Amino acid sequence: MKLPYAICAITVNAILFSSATIAQNVKIVGLGVSRCDKFISDTQGNDVSEKQYFAWAQGFMNGALVRAPVGVDDGLDLLPQNFPVQSQMAYLKSWCDKNRNSDFSDASFALFKELRAQMTK
């Protein structure tokens, strides 16, 4: 008789804690909080700045992979042969050029989703 109550309690806790995780507010730091218009301005003709922004994007995407539940994004290659660094940087610039009021972290997440989509092709 106690087992069904324990299972119910575990299920309710799992639902509550997973919902809290989804609704969690986080505050990121670093270049990712820069707006896209600043990213475009900072990287225009500045290879060092471009590499710094890209390094932030790679760290962001690596963090997303590490936090992904088991079975999600397994085998995702963040640097596939068909989408090298230069192409990824061009993607970020293009995305930000179209979304200048967005944050660079949004562009990084868009790149992550693009890499995910290319994995399924």
PDB file of N, CA and C in Angstrom:
ATOM      1  N   MET A   1       0.816  -1.190   0.000  1.00  0.00           N
ATOM      2  CA  MET A   1       0.000   0.000   0.000  1.00  0.00           C
ATOM      3  C   MET A   1       0.866   1.264   0.000  1.00  0.00           C
ATOM      4  N   LYS A   2       2.022   1.219   0.662  1.00  0.00           N
ATOM      5  CA  LYS A   2       2.885   2.393   0.714  1.00  0.00           C
ATOM      6  C   LYS A   2       3.633   2.604  -0.601  1.00  0.00           C
ATOM      7  N   LEU A   3       3.874   1.564  -1.368  1.00  0.00           N
ATOM      8  CA  LEU A   3       4.618   1.673  -2.611  1.00  0.00           C
ATOM      9  C   LEU A   3       3.953   2.612  -3.613  1.00  0.00           C
ATOM     10  N   PRO A   4       2.632   2.525  -3.862  1.00  0.00           N
ATOM     11  CA  PRO A   4       2.022   3.460  -4.804  1.00  0.00           C
ATOM     12  C   PRO A   4       2.178   4.918  -4.365  1.00  0.00           C
ATOM     13  N   TYR A   5       2.112   5.178  -3.055  1.00  0.00           N
ATOM     14  CA  TYR A   5       2.293   6.547  -2.583  1.00  0.00           C
ATOM     15  C   TYR A   5       3.721   7.018  -2.836  1.00  0.00           C
ATOM     16  N   ALA A   6       4.677   6.149  -2.651  1.00  0.00           N
ATOM     17  CA  ALA A   6       6.075   6.501  -2.893  1.00  0.00           C
ATOM     18  C   ALA A   6       6.294   6.799  -4.377  1.00  0.00           C
ATOM     19  N   ILE A   7       5.708   5.977  -5.233  1.00  0.00           N
ATOM     20  CA  ILE A   7       5.846   6.205  -6.670  1.00  0.00           C
ATOM     21  C   ILE A   7       5.183   7.521  -7.055  1.00  0.00           C
ATOM     22  N   CYS A   8       4.026   7.789  -6.490  1.00  0.00           N
ATOM     23  CA  CYS A   8       3.315   9.047  -6.765  1.00  0.00           C
ATOM     24  C   CYS A   8       4.163  10.239  -6.306  1.00  0.00           C
ATOM     25  N   ALA A   9       4.748  10.137  -5.111  1.00  0.00           N
ATOM     26  CA  ALA A   9       5.576  11.226  -4.577  1.00  0.00           C
ATOM     27  C   ALA A   9       6.797  11.455  -5.457  1.00  0.00           C
ATOM     28  N   ILE A  10       7.418  10.374  -5.912  1.00  0.00           N
ATOM     29  CA  ILE A  10       8.593  10.499  -6.780  1.00  0.00           C
ATOM     30  C   ILE A  10       8.195  11.158  -8.097  1.00  0.00           C
ATOM     31  N   THR A  11       7.064  10.751  -8.656  1.00  0.00           N
ATOM     32  CA  THR A  11       6.596  11.318  -9.919  1.00  0.00           C
ATOM     33  C   THR A  11       6.305  12.802  -9.777  1.00  0.00           C
ATOM     34  N   VAL A  12       5.610  13.173  -8.698  1.00  0.00           N
ATOM     35  CA  VAL A  12       5.286  14.592  -8.479  1.00  0.00           C
ATOM     36  C   VAL A  12       6.571  15.394  -8.309  1.00  0.00           C
ATOM     37  N   ASN A  13       7.509  14.878  -7.526  1.00  0.00           N
ATOM     38  CA  ASN A  13       8.784  15.583  -7.339  1.00  0.00           C
ATOM     39  C   ASN A  13       9.532  15.740  -8.661  1.00  0.00           C
ATOM     40  N   ALA A  14       9.535  14.707  -9.472  1.00  0.00           N
ATOM     41  CA  ALA A  14      10.218  14.776 -10.760  1.00  0.00           C
ATOM     42  C   ALA A  14       9.594  15.843 -11.640  1.00  0.00           C
ATOM     43  N   ILE A  15       8.277  15.910 -11.644  1.00  0.00           N
ATOM     44  CA  ILE A  15       7.587  16.917 -12.449  1.00  0.00           C
ATOM     45  C   ILE A  15       7.889  18.319 -11.932  1.00  0.00           C
ATOM     46  N   LEU A  16       7.819  18.495 -10.634  1.00  0.00           N
ATOM     47  CA  LEU A  16       8.079  19.817 -10.054  1.00  0.00           C
ATOM     48  C   LEU A  16       9.501  20.275 -10.301  1.00  0.00           C
ATOM     49  N   PHE A  17      10.459  19.388 -10.064  1.00  0.00           N
ATOM     50  CA  PHE A  17      11.851  19.792 -10.223  1.00  0.00           C
ATOM     51  C   PHE A  17      12.218  19.986 -11.683  1.00  0.00           C
ATOM     52  N   SER A  18      11.662  19.193 -12.593  1.00  0.00           N
ATOM     53  CA  SER A  18      11.976  19.395 -14.000  1.00  0.00           C
ATOM     54  C   SER A  18      11.340  20.683 -14.498  1.00  0.00           C
ATOM     55  N   SER A  19      10.156  21.026 -14.015  1.00  0.00           N
ATOM     56  CA  SER A  19       9.521  22.289 -14.405  1.00  0.00           C
ATOM     57  C   SER A  19      10.306  23.475 -13.864  1.00  0.00           C
ATOM     58  N   ALA A  20      10.808  23.333 -12.652  1.00  0.00           N
ATOM     59  CA  ALA A  20      11.593  24.422 -12.068  1.00  0.00           C
ATOM     60  C   ALA A  20      12.870  24.644 -12.865  1.00  0.00           C
ATOM     61  N   THR A  21      13.450  23.568 -13.371  1.00  0.00           N
ATOM     62  CA  THR A  21      14.666  23.701 -14.161  1.00  0.00           C
ATOM     63  C   THR A  21      14.385  24.440 -15.454  1.00  0.00           C
ATOM     64  N   ILE A  22      13.274  24.144 -16.084  1.00  0.00           N
ATOM     65  CA  ILE A  22      12.929  24.799 -17.337  1.00  0.00           C
ATOM     66  C   ILE A  22      12.680  26.286 -17.112  1.00  0.00           C
ATOM     67  N   ALA A  23      12.026  26.630 -16.027  1.00  0.00           N
ATOM     68  CA  ALA A  23      11.676  28.019 -15.760  1.00  0.00           C
ATOM     69  C   ALA A  23      12.802  28.791 -15.080  1.00  0.00           C
ATOM     70  N   GLN A  24      13.911  28.126 -14.823  1.00  0.00           N
ATOM     71  CA  GLN A  24      15.015  28.735 -14.105  1.00  0.00           C
ATOM     72  C   GLN A  24      15.562  29.947 -14.855  1.00  0.00           C
ATOM     73  N   ASN A  25      15.753  31.024 -14.123  1.00  0.00           N
ATOM     74  CA  ASN A  25      16.388  32.205 -14.695  1.00  0.00           C
ATOM     75  C   ASN A  25      17.883  32.094 -14.468  1.00  0.00           C
ATOM     76  N   VAL A  26      18.640  32.334 -15.495  1.00  0.00           N
ATOM     77  CA  VAL A  26      20.092  32.296 -15.375  1.00  0.00           C
ATOM     78  C   VAL A  26      20.656  33.607 -15.882  1.00  0.00           C
ATOM     79  N   LYS A  27      21.812  33.929 -15.406  1.00  0.00           N
ATOM     80  CA  LYS A  27      22.475  35.143 -15.855  1.00  0.00           C
ATOM     81  C   LYS A  27      23.823  34.731 -16.428  1.00  0.00           C
ATOM     82  N   ILE A  28      23.945  34.856 -17.740  1.00  0.00           N
ATOM     83  CA  ILE A  28      25.212  34.525 -18.358  1.00  0.00           C
ATOM     84  C   ILE A  28      26.120  35.748 -18.332  1.00  0.00           C
ATOM     85  N   VAL A  29      27.392  35.504 -18.508  1.00  0.00           N
ATOM     86  CA  VAL A  29      28.375  36.591 -18.515  1.00  0.00           C
ATOM     87  C   VAL A  29      29.294  36.425 -19.715  1.00  0.00           C
ATOM     88  N   GLY A  30      30.074  37.431 -19.961  1.00  0.00           N
ATOM     89  CA  GLY A  30      31.047  37.364 -21.043  1.00  0.00           C
ATOM     90  C   GLY A  30      30.504  37.973 -22.328  1.00  0.00           C
ATOM     91  N   LEU A  31      31.155  37.656 -23.415  1.00  0.00           N
ATOM     92  CA  LEU A  31      30.803  38.243 -24.703  1.00  0.00           C
ATOM     93  C   LEU A  31      29.406  37.867 -25.171  1.00  0.00           C
ATOM     94  N   GLY A  32      28.865  36.788 -24.661  1.00  0.00           N
ATOM     95  CA  GLY A  32      27.532  36.352 -25.066  1.00  0.00           C
ATOM     96  C   GLY A  32      26.433  37.321 -24.716  1.00  0.00           C
ATOM     97  N   VAL A  33      26.658  38.180 -23.743  1.00  0.00           N
ATOM     98  CA  VAL A  33      25.624  39.153 -23.379  1.00  0.00           C
ATOM     99  C   VAL A  33      25.659  40.385 -24.286  1.00  0.00           C
ATOM    100  N   SER A  34      26.671  40.470 -25.132  1.00  0.00           N
ATOM    101  CA  SER A  34      26.749  41.584 -26.084  1.00  0.00           C
ATOM    102  C   SER A  34      25.639  41.458 -27.110  1.00  0.00           C
ATOM    103  N   ARG A  35      25.137  42.607 -27.525  1.00  0.00           N
ATOM    104  CA  ARG A  35      24.121  42.587 -28.579  1.00  0.00           C
ATOM    105  C   ARG A  35      24.809  42.321 -29.918  1.00  0.00           C
ATOM    106  N   CYS A  36      24.039  41.799 -30.830  1.00  0.00           N
ATOM    107  CA  CYS A  36      24.583  41.455 -32.142  1.00  0.00           C
ATOM    108  C   CYS A  36      25.197  42.651 -32.862  1.00  0.00           C
ATOM    109  N   ASP A  37      24.599  43.828 -32.706  1.00  0.00           N
ATOM    110  CA  ASP A  37      25.177  44.988 -33.386  1.00  0.00           C
ATOM    111  C   ASP A  37      26.567  45.304 -32.845  1.00  0.00           C
ATOM    112  N   LYS A  38      26.789  45.066 -31.547  1.00  0.00           N
ATOM    113  CA  LYS A  38      28.122  45.256 -30.960  1.00  0.00           C
ATOM    114  C   LYS A  38      29.085  44.189 -31.481  1.00  0.00           C
ATOM    115  N   PHE A  39      28.618  42.945 -31.561  1.00  0.00           N
ATOM    116  CA  PHE A  39      29.441  41.866 -32.113  1.00  0.00           C
ATOM    117  C   PHE A  39      29.906  42.218 -33.522  1.00  0.00           C
ATOM    118  N   ILE A  40      28.996  42.690 -34.347  1.00  0.00           N
ATOM    119  CA  ILE A  40      29.347  43.038 -35.722  1.00  0.00           C
ATOM    120  C   ILE A  40      30.368  44.170 -35.730  1.00  0.00           C
ATOM    121  N   SER A  41      30.141  45.166 -34.909  1.00  0.00           N
ATOM    122  CA  SER A  41      31.068  46.296 -34.820  1.00  0.00           C
ATOM    123  C   SER A  41      32.437  45.862 -34.300  1.00  0.00           C
ATOM    124  N   ASP A  42      32.443  45.062 -33.236  1.00  0.00           N
ATOM    125  CA  ASP A  42      33.699  44.618 -32.617  1.00  0.00           C
ATOM    126  C   ASP A  42      34.541  43.745 -33.543  1.00  0.00           C
ATOM    127  N   THR A  43      33.901  42.969 -34.394  1.00  0.00           N
ATOM    128  CA  THR A  43      34.633  41.991 -35.197  1.00  0.00           C
ATOM    129  C   THR A  43      34.967  42.482 -36.601  1.00  0.00           C
ATOM    130  N   GLN A  44      34.448  43.622 -36.985  1.00  0.00           N
ATOM    131  CA  GLN A  44      34.719  44.137 -38.321  1.00  0.00           C
ATOM    132  C   GLN A  44      36.209  44.431 -38.482  1.00  0.00           C
ATOM    133  N   GLY A  45      36.873  43.604 -39.281  1.00  0.00           N
ATOM    134  CA  GLY A  45      38.310  43.785 -39.514  1.00  0.00           C
ATOM    135  C   GLY A  45      39.181  43.465 -38.318  1.00  0.00           C
ATOM    136  N   ASN A  46      38.639  42.782 -37.312  1.00  0.00           N
ATOM    137  CA  ASN A  46      39.395  42.476 -36.098  1.00  0.00           C
ATOM    138  C   ASN A  46      39.364  40.966 -35.850  1.00  0.00           C
ATOM    139  N   ASP A  47      40.380  40.280 -36.361  1.00  0.00           N
ATOM    140  CA  ASP A  47      40.437  38.822 -36.246  1.00  0.00           C
ATOM    141  C   ASP A  47      40.510  38.347 -34.798  1.00  0.00           C
ATOM    142  N   VAL A  48      41.222  39.090 -33.962  1.00  0.00           N
ATOM    143  CA  VAL A  48      41.359  38.698 -32.558  1.00  0.00           C
ATOM    144  C   VAL A  48      39.995  38.734 -31.873  1.00  0.00           C
ATOM    145  N   SER A  49      39.252  39.795 -32.068  1.00  0.00           N
ATOM    146  CA  SER A  49      37.925  39.918 -31.470  1.00  0.00           C
ATOM    147  C   SER A  49      36.994  38.830 -31.996  1.00  0.00           C
ATOM    148  N   GLU A  50      37.078  38.551 -33.291  1.00  0.00           N
ATOM    149  CA  GLU A  50      36.246  37.512 -33.893  1.00  0.00           C
ATOM    150  C   GLU A  50      36.527  36.147 -33.253  1.00  0.00           C
ATOM    151  N   LYS A  51      37.802  35.868 -33.024  1.00  0.00           N
ATOM    152  CA  LYS A  51      38.183  34.591 -32.392  1.00  0.00           C
ATOM    153  C   LYS A  51      37.711  34.538 -30.937  1.00  0.00           C
ATOM    154  N   GLN A  52      37.741  35.679 -30.251  1.00  0.00           N
ATOM    155  CA  GLN A  52      37.272  35.707 -28.867  1.00  0.00           C
ATOM    156  C   GLN A  52      35.771  35.438 -28.792  1.00  0.00           C
ATOM    157  N   TYR A  53      35.013  36.046 -29.666  1.00  0.00           N
ATOM    158  CA  TYR A  53      33.567  35.792 -29.701  1.00  0.00           C
ATOM    159  C   TYR A  53      33.292  34.329 -30.051  1.00  0.00           C
ATOM    160  N   PHE A  54      34.024  33.810 -31.025  1.00  0.00           N
ATOM    161  CA  PHE A  54      33.792  32.428 -31.427  1.00  0.00           C
ATOM    162  C   PHE A  54      34.157  31.468 -30.294  1.00  0.00           C
ATOM    163  N   ALA A  55      35.221  31.783 -29.575  1.00  0.00           N
ATOM    164  CA  ALA A  55      35.590  30.941 -28.431  1.00  0.00           C
ATOM    165  C   ALA A  55      34.471  30.943 -27.387  1.00  0.00           C
ATOM    166  N   TRP A  56      33.833  32.093 -27.181  1.00  0.00           N
ATOM    167  CA  TRP A  56      32.715  32.148 -26.241  1.00  0.00           C
ATOM    168  C   TRP A  56      31.582  31.257 -26.751  1.00  0.00           C
ATOM    169  N   ALA A  57      31.279  31.348 -28.047  1.00  0.00           N
ATOM    170  CA  ALA A  57      30.202  30.534 -28.629  1.00  0.00           C
ATOM    171  C   ALA A  57      30.513  29.048 -28.479  1.00  0.00           C
ATOM    172  N   GLN A  58      31.761  28.659 -28.694  1.00  0.00           N
ATOM    173  CA  GLN A  58      32.135  27.252 -28.534  1.00  0.00           C
ATOM    174  C   GLN A  58      31.956  26.802 -27.088  1.00  0.00           C
ATOM    175  N   GLY A  59      32.352  27.633 -26.142  1.00  0.00           N
ATOM    176  CA  GLY A  59      32.161  27.292 -24.731  1.00  0.00           C
ATOM    177  C   GLY A  59      30.684  27.156 -24.389  1.00  0.00           C
ATOM    178  N   PHE A  60      29.882  28.042 -24.928  1.00  0.00           N
ATOM    179  CA  PHE A  60      28.432  27.999 -24.714  1.00  0.00           C
ATOM    180  C   PHE A  60      27.862  26.688 -25.249  1.00  0.00           C
ATOM    181  N   MET A  61      28.268  26.328 -26.471  1.00  0.00           N
ATOM    182  CA  MET A  61      27.749  25.096 -27.071  1.00  0.00           C
ATOM    183  C   MET A  61      28.267  23.858 -26.350  1.00  0.00           C
ATOM    184  N   ASN A  62      29.521  23.897 -25.907  1.00  0.00           N
ATOM    185  CA  ASN A  62      30.052  22.784 -25.120  1.00  0.00           C
ATOM    186  C   ASN A  62      29.266  22.617 -23.826  1.00  0.00           C
ATOM    187  N   GLY A  63      28.933  23.732 -23.196  1.00  0.00           N
ATOM    188  CA  GLY A  63      28.131  23.678 -21.971  1.00  0.00           C
ATOM    189  C   GLY A  63      26.761  23.071 -22.223  1.00  0.00           C
ATOM    190  N   ALA A  64      26.166  23.426 -23.363  1.00  0.00           N
ATOM    191  CA  ALA A  64      24.859  22.852 -23.711  1.00  0.00           C
ATOM    192  C   ALA A  64      24.972  21.341 -23.879  1.00  0.00           C
ATOM    193  N   LEU A  65      26.048  20.878 -24.491  1.00  0.00           N
ATOM    194  CA  LEU A  65      26.239  19.430 -24.656  1.00  0.00           C
ATOM    195  C   LEU A  65      26.425  18.730 -23.315  1.00  0.00           C
ATOM    196  N   VAL A  66      27.204  19.332 -22.450  1.00  0.00           N
ATOM    197  CA  VAL A  66      27.474  18.733 -21.143  1.00  0.00           C
ATOM    198  C   VAL A  66      26.200  18.640 -20.302  1.00  0.00           C
ATOM    199  N   ARG A  67      25.336  19.647 -20.413  1.00  0.00           N
ATOM    200  CA  ARG A  67      24.102  19.665 -19.616  1.00  0.00           C
ATOM    201  C   ARG A  67      22.966  18.877 -20.237  1.00  0.00           C
ATOM    202  N   ALA A  68      23.126  18.440 -21.479  1.00  0.00           N
ATOM    203  CA  ALA A  68      22.051  17.706 -22.161  1.00  0.00           C
ATOM    204  C   ALA A  68      21.804  16.378 -21.458  1.00  0.00           C
ATOM    205  N   PRO A  69      20.540  16.004 -21.331  1.00  0.00           N
ATOM    206  CA  PRO A  69      20.235  14.699 -20.741  1.00  0.00           C
ATOM    207  C   PRO A  69      20.821  13.568 -21.593  1.00  0.00           C
ATOM    208  N   VAL A  70      21.029  12.433 -20.970  1.00  0.00           N
ATOM    209  CA  VAL A  70      21.537  11.259 -21.677  1.00  0.00           C
ATOM    210  C   VAL A  70      20.611  10.958 -22.851  1.00  0.00           C
ATOM    211  N   GLY A  71      21.208  10.743 -24.009  1.00  0.00           N
ATOM    212  CA  GLY A  71      20.429  10.430 -25.201  1.00  0.00           C
ATOM    213  C   GLY A  71      20.077  11.639 -26.048  1.00  0.00           C
ATOM    214  N   VAL A  72      20.291  12.836 -25.511  1.00  0.00           N
ATOM    215  CA  VAL A  72      20.011  14.060 -26.270  1.00  0.00           C
ATOM    216  C   VAL A  72      21.336  14.600 -26.802  1.00  0.00           C
ATOM    217  N   ASP A  73      21.391  14.843 -28.063  1.00  0.00           N
ATOM    218  CA  ASP A  73      22.575  15.374 -28.744  1.00  0.00           C
ATOM    219  C   ASP A  73      23.776  14.429 -28.694  1.00  0.00           C
ATOM    220  N   ASP A  74      23.524  13.143 -28.445  1.00  0.00           N
ATOM    221  CA  ASP A  74      24.623  12.175 -28.497  1.00  0.00           C
ATOM    222  C   ASP A  74      25.218  12.179 -29.901  1.00  0.00           C
ATOM    223  N   GLY A  75      26.516  12.240 -29.980  1.00  0.00           N
ATOM    224  CA  GLY A  75      27.193  12.209 -31.273  1.00  0.00           C
ATOM    225  C   GLY A  75      27.234  13.541 -31.995  1.00  0.00           C
ATOM    226  N   LEU A  76      26.710  14.596 -31.379  1.00  0.00           N
ATOM    227  CA  LEU A  76      26.735  15.903 -32.029  1.00  0.00           C
ATOM    228  C   LEU A  76      28.170  16.405 -32.093  1.00  0.00           C
ATOM    229  N   ASP A  77      28.613  16.688 -33.296  1.00  0.00           N
ATOM    230  CA  ASP A  77      29.965  17.193 -33.541  1.00  0.00           C
ATOM    231  C   ASP A  77      29.877  18.713 -33.683  1.00  0.00           C
ATOM    232  N   LEU A  78      30.518  19.435 -32.813  1.00  0.00           N
ATOM    233  CA  LEU A  78      30.479  20.892 -32.871  1.00  0.00           C
ATOM    234  C   LEU A  78      31.427  21.467 -33.916  1.00  0.00           C
ATOM    235  N   LEU A  79      32.234  20.616 -34.511  1.00  0.00           N
ATOM    236  CA  LEU A  79      33.145  21.068 -35.558  1.00  0.00           C
ATOM    237  C   LEU A  79      33.221  20.015 -36.674  1.00  0.00           C
ATOM    238  N   PRO A  80      32.086  19.784 -37.336  1.00  0.00           N
ATOM    239  CA  PRO A  80      32.088  18.774 -38.404  1.00  0.00           C
ATOM    240  C   PRO A  80      32.879  19.263 -39.620  1.00  0.00           C
ATOM    241  N   GLN A  81      33.377  18.312 -40.405  1.00  0.00           N
ATOM    242  CA  GLN A  81      34.177  18.664 -41.581  1.00  0.00           C
ATOM    243  C   GLN A  81      33.399  19.543 -42.562  1.00  0.00           C
ATOM    244  N   ASN A  82      32.093  19.307 -42.668  1.00  0.00           N
ATOM    245  CA  ASN A  82      31.306  20.060 -43.640  1.00  0.00           C
ATOM    246  C   ASN A  82      30.867  21.438 -43.116  1.00  0.00           C
ATOM    247  N   PHE A  83      31.259  21.780 -41.888  1.00  0.00           N
ATOM    248  CA  PHE A  83      30.901  23.087 -41.320  1.00  0.00           C
ATOM    249  C   PHE A  83      32.069  23.571 -40.458  1.00  0.00           C
ATOM    250  N   PRO A  84      33.189  23.934 -41.122  1.00  0.00           N
ATOM    251  CA  PRO A  84      34.407  24.321 -40.394  1.00  0.00           C
ATOM    252  C   PRO A  84      34.258  25.664 -39.673  1.00  0.00           C
ATOM    253  N   VAL A  85      35.278  26.023 -38.936  1.00  0.00           N
ATOM    254  CA  VAL A  85      35.280  27.231 -38.117  1.00  0.00           C
ATOM    255  C   VAL A  85      34.888  28.467 -38.924  1.00  0.00           C
ATOM    256  N   GLN A  86      35.511  28.672 -40.075  1.00  0.00           N
ATOM    257  CA  GLN A  86      35.221  29.873 -40.870  1.00  0.00           C
ATOM    258  C   GLN A  86      33.749  29.937 -41.271  1.00  0.00           C
ATOM    259  N   SER A  87      33.163  28.794 -41.611  1.00  0.00           N
ATOM    260  CA  SER A  87      31.743  28.759 -41.980  1.00  0.00           C
ATOM    261  C   SER A  87      30.859  29.054 -40.771  1.00  0.00           C
ATOM    262  N   GLN A  88      31.264  28.564 -39.617  1.00  0.00           N
ATOM    263  CA  GLN A  88      30.493  28.823 -38.404  1.00  0.00           C
ATOM    264  C   GLN A  88      30.571  30.299 -38.022  1.00  0.00           C
ATOM    265  N   MET A  89      31.741  30.888 -38.173  1.00  0.00           N
ATOM    266  CA  MET A  89      31.868  32.320 -37.879  1.00  0.00           C
ATOM    267  C   MET A  89      31.022  33.137 -38.855  1.00  0.00           C
ATOM    268  N   ALA A  90      31.011  32.738 -40.112  1.00  0.00           N
ATOM    269  CA  ALA A  90      30.191  33.428 -41.111  1.00  0.00           C
ATOM    270  C   ALA A  90      28.705  33.283 -40.762  1.00  0.00           C
ATOM    271  N   TYR A  91      28.323  32.111 -40.256  1.00  0.00           N
ATOM    272  CA  TYR A  91      26.940  31.892 -39.845  1.00  0.00           C
ATOM    273  C   TYR A  91      26.567  32.864 -38.715  1.00  0.00           C
ATOM    274  N   LEU A  92      27.438  32.986 -37.719  1.00  0.00           N
ATOM    275  CA  LEU A  92      27.174  33.892 -36.596  1.00  0.00           C
ATOM    276  C   LEU A  92      27.033  35.336 -37.082  1.00  0.00           C
ATOM    277  N   LYS A  93      27.915  35.746 -37.980  1.00  0.00           N
ATOM    278  CA  LYS A  93      27.847  37.119 -38.508  1.00  0.00           C
ATOM    279  C   LYS A  93      26.555  37.340 -39.286  1.00  0.00           C
ATOM    280  N   SER A  94      26.205  36.384 -40.112  1.00  0.00           N
ATOM    281  CA  SER A  94      24.984  36.506 -40.908  1.00  0.00           C
ATOM    282  C   SER A  94      23.754  36.554 -40.013  1.00  0.00           C
ATOM    283  N   TRP A  95      23.718  35.673 -38.997  1.00  0.00           N
ATOM    284  CA  TRP A  95      22.572  35.628 -38.082  1.00  0.00           C
ATOM    285  C   TRP A  95      22.461  36.958 -37.342  1.00  0.00           C
ATOM    286  N   CYS A  96      23.586  37.445 -36.854  1.00  0.00           N
ATOM    287  CA  CYS A  96      23.561  38.710 -36.109  1.00  0.00           C
ATOM    288  C   CYS A  96      23.223  39.890 -37.010  1.00  0.00           C
ATOM    289  N   ASP A  97      23.654  39.842 -38.253  1.00  0.00           N
ATOM    290  CA  ASP A  97      23.338  40.930 -39.175  1.00  0.00           C
ATOM    291  C   ASP A  97      21.825  41.026 -39.392  1.00  0.00           C
ATOM    292  N   LYS A  98      21.152  39.890 -39.358  1.00  0.00           N
ATOM    293  CA  LYS A  98      19.694  39.857 -39.539  1.00  0.00           C
ATOM    294  C   LYS A  98      18.937  40.106 -38.236  1.00  0.00           C
ATOM    295  N   ASN A  99      19.629  39.990 -37.108  1.00  0.00           N
ATOM    296  CA  ASN A  99      18.989  40.099 -35.782  1.00  0.00           C
ATOM    297  C   ASN A  99      19.813  41.011 -34.875  1.00  0.00           C
ATOM    298  N   ARG A 100      20.052  42.216 -35.313  1.00  0.00           N
ATOM    299  CA  ARG A 100      20.975  43.130 -34.620  1.00  0.00           C
ATOM    300  C   ARG A 100      20.579  43.464 -33.182  1.00  0.00           C
ATOM    301  N   ASN A 101      19.319  43.374 -32.845  1.00  0.00           N
ATOM    302  CA  ASN A 101      18.885  43.686 -31.480  1.00  0.00           C
ATOM    303  C   ASN A 101      18.933  42.476 -30.553  1.00  0.00           C
ATOM    304  N   SER A 102      19.278  41.326 -31.074  1.00  0.00           N
ATOM    305  CA  SER A 102      19.386  40.117 -30.257  1.00  0.00           C
ATOM    306  C   SER A 102      20.761  40.058 -29.610  1.00  0.00           C
ATOM    307  N   ASP A 103      20.886  39.181 -28.643  1.00  0.00           N
ATOM    308  CA  ASP A 103      22.176  38.975 -27.988  1.00  0.00           C
ATOM    309  C   ASP A 103      23.013  37.972 -28.773  1.00  0.00           C
ATOM    310  N   PHE A 104      24.330  38.071 -28.609  1.00  0.00           N
ATOM    311  CA  PHE A 104      25.228  37.121 -29.260  1.00  0.00           C
ATOM    312  C   PHE A 104      24.961  35.700 -28.771  1.00  0.00           C
ATOM    313  N   SER A 105      24.498  35.555 -27.543  1.00  0.00           N
ATOM    314  CA  SER A 105      24.164  34.212 -27.042  1.00  0.00           C
ATOM    315  C   SER A 105      23.026  33.602 -27.867  1.00  0.00           C
ATOM    316  N   ASP A 106      22.092  34.433 -28.346  1.00  0.00           N
ATOM    317  CA  ASP A 106      21.019  33.937 -29.206  1.00  0.00           C
ATOM    318  C   ASP A 106      21.592  33.430 -30.530  1.00  0.00           C
ATOM    319  N   ALA A 107      22.569  34.145 -31.064  1.00  0.00           N
ATOM    320  CA  ALA A 107      23.227  33.704 -32.300  1.00  0.00           C
ATOM    321  C   ALA A 107      23.959  32.385 -32.057  1.00  0.00           C
ATOM    322  N   SER A 108      24.600  32.267 -30.908  1.00  0.00           N
ATOM    323  CA  SER A 108      25.318  31.034 -30.561  1.00  0.00           C
ATOM    324  C   SER A 108      24.360  29.865 -30.448  1.00  0.00           C
ATOM    325  N   PHE A 109      23.198  30.105 -29.863  1.00  0.00           N
ATOM    326  CA  PHE A 109      22.199  29.045 -29.739  1.00  0.00           C
ATOM    327  C   PHE A 109      21.642  28.678 -31.116  1.00  0.00           C
ATOM    328  N   ALA A 110      21.479  29.664 -31.984  1.00  0.00           N
ATOM    329  CA  ALA A 110      21.024  29.390 -33.350  1.00  0.00           C
ATOM    330  C   ALA A 110      22.051  28.525 -34.086  1.00  0.00           C
ATOM    331  N   LEU A 111      23.326  28.814 -33.884  1.00  0.00           N
ATOM    332  CA  LEU A 111      24.387  27.990 -34.483  1.00  0.00           C
ATOM    333  C   LEU A 111      24.322  26.574 -33.942  1.00  0.00           C
ATOM    334  N   PHE A 112      24.112  26.442 -32.655  1.00  0.00           N
ATOM    335  CA  PHE A 112      23.995  25.114 -32.034  1.00  0.00           C
ATOM    336  C   PHE A 112      22.847  24.328 -32.676  1.00  0.00           C
ATOM    337  N   LYS A 113      21.702  24.991 -32.862  1.00  0.00           N
ATOM    338  CA  LYS A 113      20.557  24.334 -33.486  1.00  0.00           C
ATOM    339  C   LYS A 113      20.855  23.970 -34.941  1.00  0.00           C
ATOM    340  N   GLU A 114      21.615  24.810 -35.624  1.00  0.00           N
ATOM    341  CA  GLU A 114      22.007  24.510 -37.009  1.00  0.00           C
ATOM    342  C   GLU A 114      22.911  23.283 -37.062  1.00  0.00           C
ATOM    343  N   LEU A 115      23.851  23.194 -36.152  1.00  0.00           N
ATOM    344  CA  LEU A 115      24.731  22.021 -36.087  1.00  0.00           C
ATOM    345  C   LEU A 115      23.903  20.765 -35.797  1.00  0.00           C
ATOM    346  N   ARG A 116      22.945  20.902 -34.937  1.00  0.00           N
ATOM    347  CA  ARG A 116      22.041  19.800 -34.604  1.00  0.00           C
ATOM    348  C   ARG A 116      21.256  19.364 -35.847  1.00  0.00           C
ATOM    349  N   ALA A 117      20.752  20.335 -36.593  1.00  0.00           N
ATOM    350  CA  ALA A 117      19.975  20.039 -37.804  1.00  0.00           C
ATOM    351  C   ALA A 117      20.844  19.371 -38.867  1.00  0.00           C
ATOM    352  N   GLN A 118      22.084  19.818 -38.986  1.00  0.00           N
ATOM    353  CA  GLN A 118      22.987  19.216 -39.976  1.00  0.00           C
ATOM    354  C   GLN A 118      23.352  17.782 -39.613  1.00  0.00           C
ATOM    355  N   MET A 119      23.329  17.480 -38.324  1.00  0.00           N
ATOM    356  CA  MET A 119      23.645  16.117 -37.885  1.00  0.00           C
ATOM    357  C   MET A 119      22.612  15.124 -38.398  1.00  0.00           C
ATOM    358  N   THR A 120      21.370  15.567 -38.522  1.00  0.00           N
ATOM    359  CA  THR A 120      20.293  14.658 -38.935  1.00  0.00           C
ATOM    360  C   THR A 120      20.182  14.551 -40.449  1.00  0.00           C
ATOM    361  N   LYS A 121      20.974  15.345 -41.181  1.00  0.00           N
ATOM    362  CA  LYS A 121      20.905  15.286 -42.650  1.00  0.00           C
ATOM    363  C   LYS A 121      21.686  14.115 -43.182  1.00  0.00           C
TER     364      LYS A 121
END
